[in-house]
Protein backbone atom coordinates (compact mmCIF):
# COMPACT_ATOMS: atom_id res chain seq x y z
CA MET A 1 1.15 -48.31 48.88
CA LEU A 2 2.24 -45.40 46.53
CA ILE A 3 5.32 -43.79 47.25
CA LYS A 4 4.86 -39.91 47.08
CA HIS A 5 7.18 -37.56 46.75
CA ARG A 6 10.11 -39.90 44.96
CA THR A 7 11.96 -38.55 42.39
CA TYR A 8 13.23 -40.37 39.24
CA ASP A 9 15.78 -40.81 36.46
CA ARG A 10 15.22 -39.89 32.53
CA LEU A 11 16.33 -43.66 31.77
CA PHE A 12 13.07 -44.69 34.36
CA LYS A 13 11.16 -42.14 32.62
CA VAL A 14 12.00 -43.32 29.18
CA LYS A 15 11.37 -46.96 30.17
CA ALA A 16 8.36 -46.46 31.68
CA VAL A 17 6.70 -44.62 28.40
CA LEU A 18 7.70 -46.81 26.42
CA LEU A 19 6.33 -49.61 28.33
CA SER A 20 2.87 -47.61 28.67
CA TYR A 21 2.95 -47.95 24.49
CA GLU A 22 3.36 -51.65 24.74
CA ARG A 23 1.16 -52.59 27.88
CA ILE A 24 -2.83 -52.73 27.20
CA SER A 25 -3.79 -52.12 31.06
CA LEU A 26 -2.10 -48.98 32.32
CA ARG A 27 -3.50 -49.70 35.22
CA GLU A 28 -1.37 -53.14 35.98
CA LEU A 29 1.81 -50.58 35.15
CA GLU A 30 1.47 -47.89 37.79
CA LYS A 31 0.89 -50.76 40.17
CA GLU A 32 4.19 -52.55 39.24
CA LEU A 33 6.09 -49.13 38.71
CA GLU A 34 4.44 -47.31 41.93
CA ILE A 35 3.35 -44.47 39.96
CA SER A 36 0.24 -42.10 39.43
CA LEU A 37 -1.39 -42.32 35.90
CA SER A 38 -1.70 -38.63 36.26
CA LEU A 39 1.62 -38.43 36.05
CA LEU A 40 2.23 -41.38 33.64
CA SER A 41 0.46 -38.92 31.79
CA LYS A 42 2.24 -36.37 32.11
CA TRP A 43 5.66 -38.36 31.03
CA ARG A 44 4.06 -39.56 28.10
CA LYS A 45 2.94 -36.08 26.89
CA GLN A 46 6.91 -35.06 27.56
CA TYR A 47 8.48 -37.70 25.62
CA GLU A 48 5.88 -37.26 22.49
CA LYS A 49 6.42 -33.27 22.11
CA SER A 50 10.65 -33.19 22.82
CA GLY A 51 11.71 -37.10 22.70
CA ILE A 52 14.14 -38.04 25.74
CA GLU A 53 15.63 -34.43 26.44
CA ALA A 54 11.64 -33.64 27.95
CA PHE A 55 13.72 -35.73 31.04
CA CYS A 56 17.03 -33.73 31.15
CA GLY A 57 17.91 -32.42 34.43
CA ARG A 58 16.31 -34.08 38.18
CA GLY A 59 12.75 -33.56 38.94
CA ASN A 60 9.29 -33.64 37.51
CA GLY A 61 9.67 -30.04 35.49
CA TYR A 62 8.40 -29.98 32.42
CA LEU A 63 10.95 -29.44 29.33
CA ARG A 64 14.00 -29.37 31.59
CA VAL A 65 16.23 -28.80 28.87
CA ASN A 66 19.68 -26.95 29.16
CA PRO A 67 19.45 -23.44 27.89
CA VAL A 68 21.57 -23.28 25.30
CA GLN A 69 20.41 -26.26 23.58
CA LEU A 70 17.46 -25.20 23.46
CA LYS A 71 17.98 -22.25 21.93
CA ILE A 72 20.23 -23.87 19.20
CA ASN A 73 17.16 -26.30 18.38
CA MET A 74 15.38 -23.45 18.35
CA LEU A 75 17.45 -21.74 15.52
CA GLU A 76 17.94 -25.19 14.22
CA ARG A 77 13.84 -24.89 13.34
CA LYS A 78 13.80 -21.66 12.52
CA ALA A 79 16.31 -22.30 9.56
CA LYS A 80 14.69 -25.23 8.43
CA ARG A 81 10.73 -23.18 8.29
CA SER A 82 13.23 -19.89 6.30
CA GLU A 83 15.33 -22.71 3.99
CA ILE A 84 11.58 -24.22 3.38
CA LYS A 85 9.81 -20.80 2.42
CA TYR A 86 12.64 -19.87 0.05
CA GLU A 87 12.49 -22.70 -1.60
CA ILE A 88 8.82 -22.64 -1.95
CA LEU A 89 9.15 -19.12 -3.23
CA LYS A 90 11.74 -19.68 -5.63
CA LYS A 91 9.21 -22.53 -7.67
CA GLY A 92 6.30 -20.94 -6.76
CA THR A 93 7.19 -17.31 -7.68
CA LYS A 94 6.89 -17.36 -11.37
CA TYR A 95 3.22 -18.62 -11.24
CA LEU A 96 1.82 -15.78 -8.67
CA SER A 97 1.39 -13.31 -12.16
CA LYS A 98 -0.91 -16.31 -14.37
CA GLY A 99 -3.44 -16.06 -12.09
CA ARG A 100 -4.38 -19.22 -9.30
CA LEU A 101 -5.05 -21.95 -11.54
CA PRO A 102 -1.57 -21.99 -12.46
CA ILE A 103 -1.09 -21.65 -8.37
CA TYR A 104 -3.02 -24.45 -7.45
CA ARG A 105 -1.87 -26.45 -9.98
CA PHE A 106 2.20 -26.02 -8.72
CA ILE A 107 0.53 -26.62 -5.49
CA GLU A 108 -0.67 -29.66 -5.67
CA ASN A 109 2.30 -31.33 -7.80
CA ASN A 110 4.66 -30.29 -4.37
CA GLU A 111 2.46 -32.15 -2.26
CA ILE A 112 4.73 -34.53 -1.87
CA LEU A 113 7.46 -32.08 -0.88
CA TYR A 114 5.72 -29.29 1.36
CA SER A 115 2.37 -29.31 3.14
CA ALA A 116 -0.37 -27.49 1.11
CA LYS A 117 -1.14 -25.62 4.00
CA LYS A 118 2.72 -23.84 4.45
CA MET A 119 1.93 -23.54 0.23
CA CYS A 120 -0.86 -21.34 0.99
CA ILE A 121 -0.29 -19.23 2.96
CA ILE A 122 3.47 -18.61 1.48
CA LEU A 123 1.48 -18.09 -2.02
CA GLY A 124 -0.92 -16.30 -0.14
CA ILE A 125 -3.41 -18.38 -1.35
CA GLY A 126 -6.95 -19.00 0.85
CA GLU A 127 -6.40 -22.61 1.81
CA LYS A 128 -10.12 -23.64 1.77
CA SER A 129 -10.69 -22.35 -2.08
CA TYR A 130 -7.78 -24.62 -3.17
CA HIS A 131 -8.63 -27.21 -1.41
CA ARG A 132 -12.57 -26.83 -3.29
CA TRP A 133 -10.59 -26.47 -6.86
CA LYS A 134 -8.76 -29.73 -5.84
CA ASN A 135 -11.51 -32.03 -4.65
CA LYS A 136 -13.25 -30.70 -8.24
CA PHE A 137 -16.16 -28.77 -6.35
CA VAL A 138 -15.78 -26.22 -9.18
CA SER A 139 -15.02 -27.19 -12.96
CA GLU A 140 -11.86 -25.35 -14.57
CA THR A 141 -14.61 -23.51 -17.51
CA LYS A 142 -16.46 -21.99 -13.82
CA PHE A 143 -12.70 -21.35 -12.12
CA ARG A 144 -11.25 -19.88 -14.91
CA ALA A 145 -14.37 -17.44 -14.69
CA MET A 146 -14.18 -16.72 -11.15
CA GLN A 147 -10.39 -15.45 -11.26
CA ARG A 148 -11.66 -13.33 -14.04
CA LYS A 149 -14.41 -11.39 -12.41
CA GLU A 150 -11.39 -10.98 -9.49
CA GLU A 151 -9.49 -9.39 -12.49
CA ILE A 152 -12.22 -7.15 -13.07
CA ILE A 153 -13.16 -6.47 -9.68
CA SER A 154 -9.20 -5.42 -8.87
CA ILE A 155 -9.03 -3.32 -11.87
CA PHE A 156 -12.57 -1.43 -11.67
CA PHE A 157 -12.14 -0.28 -7.73
CA ALA A 158 -7.88 0.53 -9.06
CA ALA A 159 -9.54 2.90 -11.33
CA LYS A 160 -11.97 3.90 -8.37
CA LYS A 161 -14.90 2.97 -10.65
CA ARG A 162 -13.99 5.38 -13.48
CA TYR A 163 -13.21 2.08 -16.06
CA GLY A 164 -16.02 1.13 -18.34
CA SER A 165 -16.45 -2.59 -20.19
CA TYR A 166 -13.82 -1.68 -22.87
CA ARG A 167 -10.87 -0.11 -20.86
CA ILE A 168 -11.64 -2.94 -18.18
CA THR A 169 -11.09 -5.28 -21.59
CA LYS A 170 -8.09 -3.86 -22.48
CA GLU A 171 -6.23 -3.64 -19.44
CA LEU A 172 -7.22 -7.51 -18.64
CA ARG A 173 -5.30 -7.98 -22.55
CA ASN A 174 -2.53 -6.51 -21.30
CA ARG A 175 -2.24 -9.10 -18.99
CA GLY A 176 -2.28 -11.71 -21.15
CA HIS A 177 -6.29 -12.76 -20.84
CA GLY A 178 -7.96 -13.21 -24.06
CA ILE A 179 -11.82 -11.93 -23.19
CA SER A 180 -13.84 -9.91 -25.11
CA ARG A 181 -15.54 -7.24 -24.31
CA VAL A 182 -19.05 -8.64 -24.29
CA THR A 183 -18.23 -11.52 -21.89
CA VAL A 184 -16.23 -8.52 -19.70
CA SER A 185 -19.78 -6.93 -20.01
CA LYS A 186 -21.84 -9.50 -18.85
CA TYR A 187 -19.47 -10.27 -15.93
CA MET A 188 -19.85 -6.44 -14.88
CA ALA A 189 -23.67 -6.73 -14.90
CA GLU A 190 -23.64 -9.70 -13.22
CA LEU A 191 -21.02 -8.54 -10.39
CA SER A 192 -22.99 -5.12 -9.92
CA LEU A 193 -20.61 -2.92 -11.41
CA HIS A 194 -21.66 0.59 -13.10
CA LYS A 195 -18.73 3.16 -13.95
CA LYS A 196 -19.63 7.07 -13.09
CA SER A 197 -22.37 8.31 -15.32
CA ASN A 198 -22.15 11.79 -16.88
CA ARG A 199 -24.33 15.15 -15.96
CA LYS A 200 -24.97 18.00 -18.09
CA TYR A 201 -22.47 20.92 -17.63
CA LYS A 202 -23.23 24.58 -16.43
CA ILE A 203 -22.47 27.18 -18.53
CA THR A 204 -19.70 29.09 -17.43
CA THR A 205 -18.62 31.18 -21.26
CA ASP A 206 -19.45 34.55 -21.50
CA SER A 207 -18.57 35.71 -24.81
CA ASN A 208 -20.49 38.67 -24.29
CA HIS A 209 -17.54 41.07 -24.61
CA ASN A 210 -16.15 43.55 -26.98
CA HIS A 211 -12.42 41.62 -27.16
CA TYR A 212 -10.80 40.37 -29.65
CA ILE A 213 -11.85 37.53 -31.24
CA ALA A 214 -9.41 34.71 -33.23
CA PRO A 215 -10.38 32.75 -35.79
CA ASN A 216 -10.91 28.93 -35.13
CA LEU A 217 -7.08 28.22 -36.75
CA LEU A 218 -7.79 25.05 -35.43
CA ASN A 219 -10.65 23.72 -36.99
CA ARG A 220 -11.51 20.34 -35.22
CA GLN A 221 -8.36 18.86 -36.44
CA PHE A 222 -7.35 17.43 -32.71
CA CYS A 223 -5.25 14.75 -33.64
CA VAL A 224 -1.66 16.49 -33.81
CA LYS A 225 1.73 14.18 -34.25
CA GLU A 226 4.13 16.75 -32.15
CA PRO A 227 4.09 17.71 -29.01
CA SER A 228 3.28 21.37 -28.58
CA LYS A 229 1.56 21.80 -31.96
CA ALA A 230 -1.38 22.49 -30.64
CA TRP A 231 -3.22 23.12 -27.02
CA VAL A 232 -6.78 23.58 -25.97
CA SER A 233 -8.16 25.04 -22.73
CA ASP A 234 -11.29 25.75 -21.00
CA ILE A 235 -13.31 26.11 -17.52
CA THR A 236 -15.85 24.48 -16.17
CA TYR A 237 -17.31 24.60 -12.48
CA ILE A 238 -16.78 21.78 -9.74
CA PRO A 239 -19.51 22.18 -6.92
CA ASN A 240 -18.85 21.55 -3.33
CA ILE A 241 -20.58 22.36 0.19
CA LYS A 242 -19.86 25.84 -0.25
CA GLY A 243 -20.97 26.47 -4.22
CA PHE A 244 -18.69 26.26 -7.05
CA LEU A 245 -14.84 26.12 -7.79
CA HIS A 246 -13.94 27.10 -10.73
CA LEU A 247 -11.19 25.21 -13.34
CA THR A 248 -9.77 26.07 -16.22
CA ILE A 249 -7.20 23.23 -17.93
CA VAL A 250 -4.29 24.16 -20.43
CA LEU A 251 -4.07 19.98 -22.57
CA ASP A 252 -2.29 18.97 -24.51
CA LEU A 253 -3.53 17.44 -28.03
CA PHE A 254 -0.45 15.31 -28.88
CA ASP A 255 -1.08 13.51 -25.64
CA ARG A 256 -3.31 14.47 -23.88
CA LYS A 257 -1.89 15.70 -21.09
CA ILE A 258 -2.81 18.12 -19.03
CA ILE A 259 -0.10 20.57 -18.90
CA GLY A 260 -1.60 23.31 -16.90
CA TRP A 261 -4.29 23.98 -15.07
CA SER A 262 -5.47 26.44 -11.72
CA LEU A 263 -8.39 25.92 -9.50
CA SER A 264 -10.13 29.08 -8.14
CA SER A 265 -13.50 30.87 -6.46
CA GLY A 266 -13.60 33.19 -8.89
CA LEU A 267 -13.56 33.98 -12.73
CA THR A 268 -11.24 36.96 -13.47
CA ALA A 269 -8.41 35.78 -16.09
CA GLU A 270 -5.57 36.53 -12.85
CA MET A 271 -7.31 33.24 -11.34
CA THR A 272 -8.12 31.23 -14.19
CA THR A 273 -6.47 31.25 -17.50
CA ILE A 274 -2.85 33.66 -16.97
CA PRO A 275 -1.77 30.72 -13.85
CA ALA A 276 -2.93 28.36 -15.87
CA TRP A 277 -1.16 29.19 -18.39
CA GLU A 278 2.00 30.10 -16.89
CA MET A 279 1.67 26.11 -15.33
CA ALA A 280 1.52 25.56 -18.49
CA VAL A 281 4.73 27.69 -20.22
CA LYS A 282 7.03 25.96 -16.93
CA ASN A 283 5.69 22.01 -17.75
CA ARG A 284 6.21 21.67 -22.03
CA GLU A 285 8.28 24.18 -23.88
CA ILE A 286 6.78 26.37 -26.70
CA LYS A 287 7.36 26.03 -30.32
CA LYS A 288 7.03 28.34 -33.17
CA GLY A 289 3.80 27.80 -34.64
CA LEU A 290 1.78 26.56 -31.86
CA ILE A 291 -2.12 27.06 -31.84
CA PHE A 292 -3.51 27.79 -28.85
CA HIS A 293 -7.32 27.27 -29.24
CA SER A 294 -10.06 28.03 -26.53
CA ASP A 295 -13.64 29.53 -26.49
CA ARG A 296 -14.57 32.76 -26.38
CA GLY A 297 -15.41 33.89 -22.96
CA VAL A 298 -13.72 36.51 -21.98
CA GLN A 299 -11.10 35.16 -19.54
CA TYR A 300 -9.12 34.31 -22.65
CA ALA A 301 -10.30 37.40 -24.89
CA ASN A 302 -9.26 40.05 -22.37
CA LYS A 303 -6.30 42.45 -22.73
CA LYS A 304 -4.35 40.83 -20.03
CA PHE A 305 -4.22 37.49 -21.06
CA THR A 306 -3.74 38.12 -24.56
CA ASP A 307 -0.57 40.21 -23.81
CA LEU A 308 0.47 37.00 -22.31
CA VAL A 309 -0.53 34.52 -24.85
CA ASP A 310 1.15 37.34 -27.43
CA SER A 311 4.34 38.21 -25.86
CA SER A 312 5.80 34.67 -26.81
CA LYS A 313 5.57 36.03 -30.49
CA THR A 314 5.15 32.17 -31.68
CA VAL A 315 1.54 31.56 -30.85
CA LYS A 316 -1.10 31.51 -32.80
CA ARG A 317 -4.23 32.82 -31.08
CA SER A 318 -7.41 30.26 -31.93
CA MET A 319 -11.14 30.62 -30.95
CA SER A 320 -14.34 27.98 -31.41
CA GLN A 321 -17.40 29.70 -33.15
CA SER A 322 -20.36 31.26 -31.19
CA GLY A 323 -22.73 28.42 -28.82
CA ASN A 324 -20.24 25.51 -30.65
CA CYS A 325 -18.79 23.64 -27.96
CA LEU A 326 -17.59 20.97 -30.21
CA ASP A 327 -15.08 22.92 -31.62
CA ASN A 328 -13.63 22.44 -28.28
CA ALA A 329 -14.58 18.69 -27.76
CA VAL A 330 -11.02 17.44 -26.59
CA ALA A 331 -11.24 19.86 -23.74
CA GLU A 332 -15.57 19.21 -23.27
CA SER A 333 -14.23 15.66 -22.92
CA PHE A 334 -11.53 16.05 -20.04
CA PHE A 335 -14.22 17.60 -18.21
CA SER A 336 -16.94 14.65 -18.38
CA THR A 337 -14.38 12.41 -17.48
CA LEU A 338 -13.51 14.57 -15.15
CA LYS A 339 -16.77 15.09 -13.36
CA ARG A 340 -18.41 11.11 -13.73
CA GLU A 341 -14.88 9.59 -12.07
CA LEU A 342 -14.37 12.05 -9.29
CA ILE A 343 -17.68 14.48 -8.79
CA TYR A 344 -20.53 12.36 -9.65
CA ARG A 345 -22.20 9.83 -7.31
CA ASN A 346 -19.76 11.27 -4.77
CA LYS A 347 -20.62 13.49 -2.01
CA LEU A 348 -20.26 17.08 -1.90
CA PHE A 349 -16.29 18.05 -1.33
CA THR A 350 -15.22 20.60 1.08
CA GLN A 351 -13.24 23.09 -0.66
CA LYS A 352 -10.28 22.08 0.99
CA GLN A 353 -11.03 18.35 -0.41
CA ILE A 354 -12.08 19.18 -3.29
CA LYS A 355 -8.51 20.67 -3.71
CA MET A 356 -6.82 17.71 -3.06
CA GLU A 357 -9.29 15.50 -5.18
CA ILE A 358 -8.52 17.35 -8.45
CA PHE A 359 -4.86 17.56 -7.60
CA ASP A 360 -4.45 13.87 -7.41
CA PHE A 361 -6.79 13.34 -10.51
CA ILE A 362 -4.65 15.18 -12.73
CA GLU A 363 -1.36 14.57 -11.86
CA ASN A 364 -1.62 10.94 -10.33
CA TRP A 365 -4.30 9.42 -11.97
CA TYR A 366 -5.24 11.19 -15.26
CA ASN A 367 -1.96 12.23 -16.36
CA LYS A 368 0.31 8.95 -15.11
CA GLU A 369 -2.29 5.64 -14.49
CA ARG A 370 -5.12 6.47 -17.27
CA ILE A 371 -5.57 4.59 -19.81
CA HIS A 372 -6.27 6.24 -23.01
CA SER A 373 -8.80 4.97 -26.41
CA THR A 374 -7.92 7.82 -27.75
CA LEU A 375 -3.95 7.34 -27.19
CA ASN A 376 -4.13 2.95 -28.30
CA TYR A 377 -5.73 2.57 -24.94
CA LYS A 378 -1.87 3.34 -23.15
CA THR A 379 -0.89 5.92 -20.75
CA ILE A 380 0.00 9.42 -21.09
CA GLU A 381 3.53 8.20 -19.75
CA GLU A 382 3.83 5.22 -22.07
CA PHE A 383 2.20 7.08 -25.35
CA GLY A 384 4.69 9.77 -24.79
CA LYS A 385 7.94 6.96 -24.10
CA ILE A 386 7.02 5.30 -27.48
CA ASN A 387 6.17 8.46 -29.51
CA THR A 388 9.44 10.34 -28.42
CA LEU A 389 11.91 7.58 -29.22
């Protein structure tokens, strides 16, 4: 008959567990030691998890370990995990910027030291993807194509769908990928990635007036070699839920930076050209002989704006020929970029939203992050650092 409510010391429990591993039939051991199979099974689980530490103290409680020792054990395990994580990061970090293939090879070469699962987690790699590569489910050529497609997707959406194959190719080459534009274009087609398209402009220029018209001094000389040699300005409309807002910009031809702009609900000089000019002269110093070029719109030809520009006494006024938008092609090109990359293929914004979006586009994206083909596919800030040393 089995004895109930009996207590057992640690030595008895350890011996019982060890004997259970040696015996073929646990029924015989149950009768021999006069313990139940459920109790023996419980001891085995405790022993397999914590060794003899599982049997500290009296009674059959689960994991009766000294609290101080338990905390020490926990801290030691935590320290060991941190040490392993540090080692993996120290050895593997240099491969993170080289793409997934070098990382996969690093994991494969270090599986003898660390578990693949732990390395994948620490290095931010999908464990299933790694094992697919390791088991040769994907060839290296196909994997390289997958890797490049991931890079293309990342660049495309980081640029808010504003980059086409030319700019994405340049960005990939800057990251160390030797890839042709044709290949990038093919991958983009396979991924159904299409940059935002152009639309026709709405005419905002009113040149039917009796104000002074300046000659075309710029004469389409859009390449200049120093800041404040030539500024161009123009006005366009921005659609929104309630109608239209009007965006006026002043752009320096040296680095294509928007140095002044205003967004208004009206088309008077006080709401368009004057605040844009005031921002421009605040952001960039006027140099002697600066050419300020615009169209013949009344906002540029009226007396208030003319007096404001002429007050500097060093600025030369220049205006496009009547009806010839190519004379101010750089400003028109900016508006084309703005509308393609921000306005078109988006739902109409409210006036509050459009003001925030225009600010973000000009100040954060266009002037700082976007690469420009006319600047040899550099950002405005990169171009400025190189050419102002």
